[in-house]
Amino acid sequence: MTSPNAASSDRPEARLGRLRSLLFVPGTRPEWVPKAITAGADAVILDLEDAVHPDARPEARVAVAEAVARHRGEIAVFVRVNPLDAWTGAEDVRRVVAAGAAGVVLPKVSGPADVRLADRLIGWTEAESGRPIGGTVLLPLLETAAGLAAAERVARAAARVGYLGAVTGRGGDVQRAVGYRWDRTGGGTAELRARVLLDARAGGVGHPVGGLWTDIADLDGLRGFAARNRDLGYEGMLVIHPSHVPVVNEIFGPDERELAYLRRLVSAMEEARERGENVTVFEGDMVDEAMLVTARRTLAAYGD
């Protein structure tokens, strides 16, 4: 059977748009969602996988599904389910999608087959529960060497993949899979993060997200790491603590000086076009139509 949301060359942007901060909340603590809202997170990820002891997962699944169904508000609620190599993960998906989760975070992705399986299961559940077909966004976590190497094919595997990137950090699945040495500057993972970002973009992902900073108290370190992700081209980060949200939002939010520069550039190019010119000198730089398109898209992304 073909997925009701199969991948295509004209895949739409994820309906939720740009997300600067996606804050993890343990699936055993869905009552903490208001704290994520207060912190200013763009999205919350209720975690049914690593944050929940296996014996507690059935109860947590019910609690999370009930919290999702009750949720009203602007913040997007995602759920990290368990891997789909067991019925636990499949039941997670069925419950939370039927309840109306904005997105599913799929762990331990090794390649496009994992995404296609999740896409079919999500699509069937949407149809069964009366949810809009294709309305549930998918965020695959590339936590294996095979998954990281297949990032572009993972991105292309289903139209609902709206967020993707390299989530490197200290310890954990990715460091164990790749073998890099963690350092606080992120230098040991810079090439990996850049390559996966390029693959995600090539695969059509509209809003790549990265991470992860685990030192709760080191906000300066977080700021530097987030800025380096932003400079590579990431649009947001996964976050593990509410205190990290304002820092990440600031880094991935609009830079007013840059926006002012882009507004001036657009104005200068529009004046040049009125003169019949597609190239002009603007504040010492040669600018052309390509730069005008980029400037307009950047301004539009921030509602300008």
Protein backbone atom coordinates (compact mmCIF):
# COMPACT_ATOMS: atom_id res chain seq x y z
CA MET A 1 0.00 0.00 0.00
CA THR A 2 1.27 3.47 -0.88
CA SER A 3 1.55 6.07 1.84
CA PRO A 4 -1.11 8.78 1.63
CA ASN A 5 1.70 11.28 1.99
CA ALA A 6 4.38 9.81 -0.24
CA ALA A 7 7.49 11.79 -1.08
CA SER A 8 7.39 13.93 -4.21
CA SER A 9 9.56 16.48 -5.98
CA ASP A 10 7.19 19.30 -4.99
CA ARG A 11 7.13 18.55 -1.28
CA PRO A 12 5.53 21.43 0.65
CA GLU A 13 7.20 23.24 3.52
CA ALA A 14 6.34 21.92 6.95
CA ARG A 15 3.08 23.56 7.98
CA LEU A 16 4.47 24.67 11.34
CA GLY A 17 7.18 26.80 9.75
CA ARG A 18 10.41 27.84 11.41
CA LEU A 19 10.93 26.51 14.96
CA ARG A 20 13.79 28.08 16.90
CA SER A 21 13.56 25.98 20.08
CA LEU A 22 12.11 22.50 20.61
CA LEU A 23 12.16 21.70 24.33
CA PHE A 24 12.18 18.11 25.59
CA VAL A 25 9.80 17.26 28.43
CA PRO A 26 9.71 13.76 30.01
CA GLY A 27 6.66 11.77 29.00
CA THR A 28 6.08 11.06 32.66
CA ARG A 29 5.67 14.80 33.27
CA PRO A 30 3.18 16.13 30.70
CA GLU A 31 2.02 18.63 33.32
CA TRP A 32 5.31 20.47 32.66
CA VAL A 33 4.13 21.64 29.24
CA PRO A 34 3.00 25.00 30.71
CA LYS A 35 6.60 25.52 31.88
CA ALA A 36 7.75 25.13 28.28
CA ILE A 37 5.18 27.71 27.22
CA THR A 38 6.31 30.09 29.96
CA ALA A 39 9.95 29.62 28.88
CA GLY A 40 8.99 30.73 25.38
CA ALA A 41 9.72 27.49 23.47
CA ASP A 42 8.38 27.32 19.94
CA ALA A 43 7.64 23.62 20.39
CA VAL A 44 7.66 21.00 23.13
CA ILE A 45 8.69 17.37 22.65
CA LEU A 46 7.03 14.98 25.07
CA ASP A 47 9.52 12.12 25.32
CA LEU A 48 8.28 8.53 25.52
CA GLU A 49 11.68 7.02 24.72
CA ASP A 50 14.88 7.69 26.68
CA ALA A 51 13.19 9.80 29.38
CA VAL A 52 10.84 6.99 30.41
CA HIS A 53 11.70 3.66 32.05
CA PRO A 54 10.44 0.75 29.89
CA ASP A 55 8.11 -0.42 32.66
CA ALA A 56 6.50 3.02 32.81
CA ARG A 57 5.95 3.50 29.08
CA PRO A 58 2.39 2.15 28.79
CA GLU A 59 1.17 4.50 31.52
CA ALA A 60 3.19 7.42 30.12
CA ARG A 61 1.78 6.81 26.64
CA VAL A 62 -1.77 7.19 27.95
CA ALA A 63 -0.86 10.33 29.91
CA VAL A 64 0.91 11.90 26.93
CA ALA A 65 -1.96 11.14 24.54
CA GLU A 66 -4.41 12.69 27.00
CA ALA A 67 -2.20 15.78 27.37
CA VAL A 68 -1.95 16.13 23.59
CA ALA A 69 -5.71 15.84 23.19
CA ARG A 70 -6.29 18.50 25.87
CA HIS A 71 -3.66 20.91 24.57
CA ARG A 72 -4.81 24.22 23.16
CA GLY A 73 -2.49 27.04 22.27
CA GLU A 74 0.13 28.32 19.88
CA ILE A 75 2.99 26.08 21.00
CA ALA A 76 3.44 22.98 18.85
CA VAL A 77 3.40 19.65 20.72
CA PHE A 78 5.59 16.88 19.30
CA VAL A 79 6.04 13.41 20.79
CA ARG A 80 9.23 11.37 20.63
CA VAL A 81 8.01 7.82 20.21
CA ASN A 82 9.94 4.60 20.66
CA PRO A 83 11.65 3.00 17.65
CA LEU A 84 9.31 1.20 15.28
CA ASP A 85 11.18 -2.11 15.55
CA ALA A 86 8.73 -3.11 18.29
CA TRP A 87 5.02 -2.79 18.96
CA THR A 88 5.74 -0.21 21.67
CA GLY A 89 6.74 2.36 19.07
CA ALA A 90 3.83 1.53 16.77
CA GLU A 91 1.35 1.93 19.61
CA ASP A 92 2.99 5.23 20.59
CA VAL A 93 2.45 6.55 17.06
CA ARG A 94 -1.18 5.40 16.88
CA ARG A 95 -2.10 6.96 20.22
CA VAL A 96 -0.40 10.33 19.83
CA VAL A 97 -1.32 10.91 16.18
CA ALA A 98 -4.95 10.09 16.89
CA ALA A 99 -4.81 12.52 19.81
CA GLY A 100 -3.66 15.30 17.49
CA ALA A 101 0.10 15.68 18.02
CA ALA A 102 1.59 18.33 15.76
CA GLY A 103 4.55 16.09 15.03
CA VAL A 104 6.26 12.78 15.69
CA VAL A 105 9.96 12.62 16.59
CA LEU A 106 11.30 9.29 15.32
CA PRO A 107 14.45 8.01 17.07
CA LYS A 108 17.24 5.68 15.91
CA VAL A 109 16.65 6.30 12.20
CA SER A 110 19.06 4.24 10.08
CA GLY A 111 17.75 5.09 6.64
CA PRO A 112 14.76 5.97 4.45
CA ALA A 113 12.99 2.66 5.14
CA ASP A 114 12.45 3.72 8.75
CA VAL A 115 10.89 6.98 7.61
CA ARG A 116 8.66 5.31 5.03
CA LEU A 117 7.37 2.90 7.69
CA ALA A 118 6.62 5.78 10.07
CA ASP A 119 4.99 7.76 7.25
CA ARG A 120 2.64 4.89 6.40
CA LEU A 121 1.71 4.29 10.03
CA ILE A 122 1.09 7.98 10.63
CA GLY A 123 -0.95 8.27 7.44
CA TRP A 124 -3.11 5.26 8.29
CA THR A 125 -3.72 6.64 11.77
CA GLU A 126 -4.65 10.06 10.39
CA ALA A 127 -7.18 8.41 8.08
CA GLU A 128 -8.54 6.14 10.81
CA SER A 129 -8.94 8.93 13.35
CA GLY A 130 -10.22 11.61 11.00
CA ARG A 131 -7.10 13.78 11.22
CA PRO A 132 -6.01 15.76 8.15
CA ILE A 133 -3.99 13.48 5.90
CA GLY A 134 -0.38 14.66 5.84
CA GLY A 135 -0.96 17.09 8.69
CA THR A 136 1.38 15.39 11.17
CA VAL A 137 4.98 16.54 10.77
CA LEU A 138 7.85 14.06 11.09
CA LEU A 139 11.24 14.81 12.66
CA PRO A 140 13.63 11.86 12.16
CA LEU A 141 16.56 11.68 14.57
CA LEU A 142 19.77 10.58 12.83
CA GLU A 143 21.34 8.66 15.72
CA THR A 144 23.24 6.00 13.79
CA ALA A 145 26.18 6.23 11.41
CA ALA A 146 24.00 4.75 8.66
CA GLY A 147 21.28 7.31 9.30
CA LEU A 148 23.72 10.22 9.23
CA ALA A 149 25.26 8.94 5.99
CA ALA A 150 21.78 8.65 4.44
CA ALA A 151 20.54 12.09 5.50
CA GLU A 152 19.50 13.25 2.04
CA ARG A 153 17.62 10.01 1.30
CA VAL A 154 15.96 10.22 4.71
CA ALA A 155 14.86 13.77 3.91
CA ARG A 156 13.35 12.64 0.60
CA ALA A 157 11.65 9.55 2.03
CA ALA A 158 8.37 11.25 2.97
CA ALA A 159 6.72 14.58 2.32
CA ARG A 160 5.95 15.06 5.99
CA VAL A 161 9.65 15.31 6.94
CA GLY A 162 9.83 18.99 7.84
CA TYR A 163 12.72 19.09 10.31
CA LEU A 164 16.04 17.26 10.19
CA GLY A 165 19.68 17.78 11.13
CA ALA A 166 22.70 16.51 13.01
CA VAL A 167 21.98 16.35 16.74
CA THR A 168 25.47 15.97 18.12
CA GLY A 169 26.30 16.17 21.79
CA ARG A 170 28.34 14.79 24.64
CA GLY A 171 27.89 11.05 25.09
CA GLY A 172 24.71 9.53 23.77
CA ASP A 173 23.86 7.63 20.64
CA VAL A 174 25.53 9.83 18.03
CA GLN A 175 28.91 10.08 19.74
CA ARG A 176 28.88 6.33 20.30
CA ALA A 177 27.96 5.71 16.66
CA VAL A 178 30.49 8.09 15.12
CA GLY A 179 33.29 8.04 17.69
CA TYR A 180 34.03 11.77 17.71
CA ARG A 181 35.69 13.43 20.69
CA TRP A 182 33.40 15.97 22.29
CA ASP A 183 34.72 19.46 22.90
CA ARG A 184 32.85 22.51 24.09
CA THR A 185 33.46 24.46 20.90
CA GLY A 186 31.80 21.77 18.79
CA GLY A 187 34.88 21.71 16.56
CA GLY A 188 35.01 17.93 16.46
CA THR A 189 31.52 17.74 14.97
CA ALA A 190 31.52 20.84 12.76
CA GLU A 191 32.10 18.95 9.51
CA LEU A 192 29.45 16.37 10.39
CA ARG A 193 26.89 19.03 11.22
CA ALA A 194 27.67 20.93 8.02
CA ARG A 195 27.43 17.86 5.80
CA VAL A 196 24.13 16.71 7.29
CA LEU A 197 22.75 20.23 6.95
CA LEU A 198 23.67 20.28 3.25
CA ASP A 199 22.06 16.85 2.77
CA ALA A 200 18.89 17.98 4.54
CA ARG A 201 18.65 21.06 2.36
CA ALA A 202 19.33 19.04 -0.78
CA GLY A 203 16.58 16.65 0.32
CA GLY A 204 14.08 19.49 0.51
CA VAL A 205 13.86 19.98 4.27
CA GLY A 206 12.62 23.49 4.80
CA HIS A 207 13.62 23.92 8.42
CA PRO A 208 16.77 22.06 9.54
CA VAL A 209 17.28 21.82 13.30
CA GLY A 210 20.35 20.71 15.24
CA GLY A 211 21.56 20.30 18.81
CA LEU A 212 22.31 19.26 21.50
CA TRP A 213 23.78 21.17 24.47
CA THR A 214 23.63 19.15 27.69
CA ASP A 215 25.43 21.41 30.19
CA ILE A 216 22.51 23.07 31.97
CA ALA A 217 24.53 25.78 33.73
CA ASP A 218 26.87 26.81 30.87
CA LEU A 219 24.74 29.34 29.02
CA ASP A 220 27.76 31.00 27.41
CA GLY A 221 28.81 27.66 25.94
CA LEU A 222 25.26 27.13 24.70
CA ARG A 223 25.23 30.57 23.11
CA GLY A 224 28.44 29.88 21.21
CA PHE A 225 27.30 26.43 20.07
CA ALA A 226 23.90 27.74 18.95
CA ALA A 227 25.54 30.59 17.05
CA ARG A 228 27.82 28.18 15.20
CA ASN A 229 24.81 26.06 14.23
CA ARG A 230 23.02 29.18 13.04
CA ASP A 231 26.03 30.26 11.00
CA LEU A 232 26.10 26.86 9.28
CA GLY A 233 22.48 27.36 8.23
CA TYR A 234 20.42 25.63 10.91
CA GLU A 235 17.19 27.37 11.87
CA GLY A 236 16.71 26.00 15.38
CA MET A 237 17.85 23.53 18.04
CA LEU A 238 16.55 20.80 20.28
CA VAL A 239 16.75 21.96 23.89
CA ILE A 240 16.85 20.00 27.16
CA HIS A 241 16.15 22.67 29.80
CA PRO A 242 13.80 25.69 30.03
CA SER A 243 16.70 27.99 30.92
CA HIS A 244 18.21 27.28 27.49
CA VAL A 245 15.14 28.43 25.57
CA PRO A 246 15.66 32.23 25.76
CA VAL A 247 19.28 31.89 24.65
CA VAL A 248 18.42 29.68 21.68
CA ASN A 249 15.47 31.87 20.69
CA GLU A 250 17.70 34.92 20.70
CA ILE A 251 20.40 33.27 18.58
CA PHE A 252 17.95 31.90 16.00
CA GLY A 253 15.66 34.91 16.11
CA PRO A 254 15.86 37.86 13.74
CA ASP A 255 18.91 40.08 13.97
CA GLU A 256 17.47 43.58 13.74
CA ARG A 257 20.69 45.02 12.29
CA GLU A 258 20.72 42.36 9.58
CA LEU A 259 17.04 42.92 8.80
CA ALA A 260 17.60 46.66 8.54
CA TYR A 261 20.51 46.00 6.13
CA LEU A 262 18.32 43.71 4.02
CA ARG A 263 15.53 46.30 3.87
CA ARG A 264 18.01 48.87 2.59
CA LEU A 265 19.35 46.36 0.06
CA VAL A 266 15.85 45.66 -1.26
CA SER A 267 15.19 49.39 -1.57
CA ALA A 268 18.47 49.95 -3.43
CA MET A 269 17.81 47.08 -5.84
CA GLU A 270 14.26 48.27 -6.52
CA GLU A 271 15.63 51.70 -7.38
CA ALA A 272 18.20 50.08 -9.67
CA ARG A 273 15.50 48.07 -11.44
CA GLU A 274 13.51 51.25 -12.01
CA ARG A 275 16.60 52.53 -13.83
CA GLY A 276 16.64 49.35 -15.91
CA GLU A 277 19.61 47.87 -14.05
CA ASN A 278 19.86 44.42 -12.46
CA VAL A 279 23.16 45.14 -10.73
CA THR A 280 24.13 47.99 -8.45
CA VAL A 281 26.70 49.01 -5.87
CA PHE A 282 25.16 48.97 -2.41
CA GLU A 283 27.14 50.09 0.65
CA GLY A 284 30.38 49.12 -1.07
CA ASP A 285 29.25 45.71 -2.34
CA MET A 286 28.12 44.66 -5.79
CA VAL A 287 24.59 43.26 -5.48
CA ASP A 288 22.30 41.67 -8.04
CA GLU A 289 19.00 39.83 -8.52
CA ALA A 290 20.12 36.73 -6.63
CA MET A 291 20.88 38.81 -3.55
CA LEU A 292 17.51 40.55 -3.88
CA VAL A 293 15.70 37.20 -3.87
CA THR A 294 17.66 36.06 -0.79
CA ALA A 295 16.95 39.31 1.03
CA ARG A 296 13.22 39.13 0.33
CA ARG A 297 13.00 35.52 1.43
CA THR A 298 14.85 36.25 4.66
CA LEU A 299 12.62 39.20 5.44
CA ALA A 300 9.50 37.16 4.66
CA ALA A 301 10.67 34.36 6.96
CA TYR A 302 10.56 36.80 9.87
CA GLY A 303 7.24 38.33 8.86
CA ASP A 304 8.81 41.49 7.52
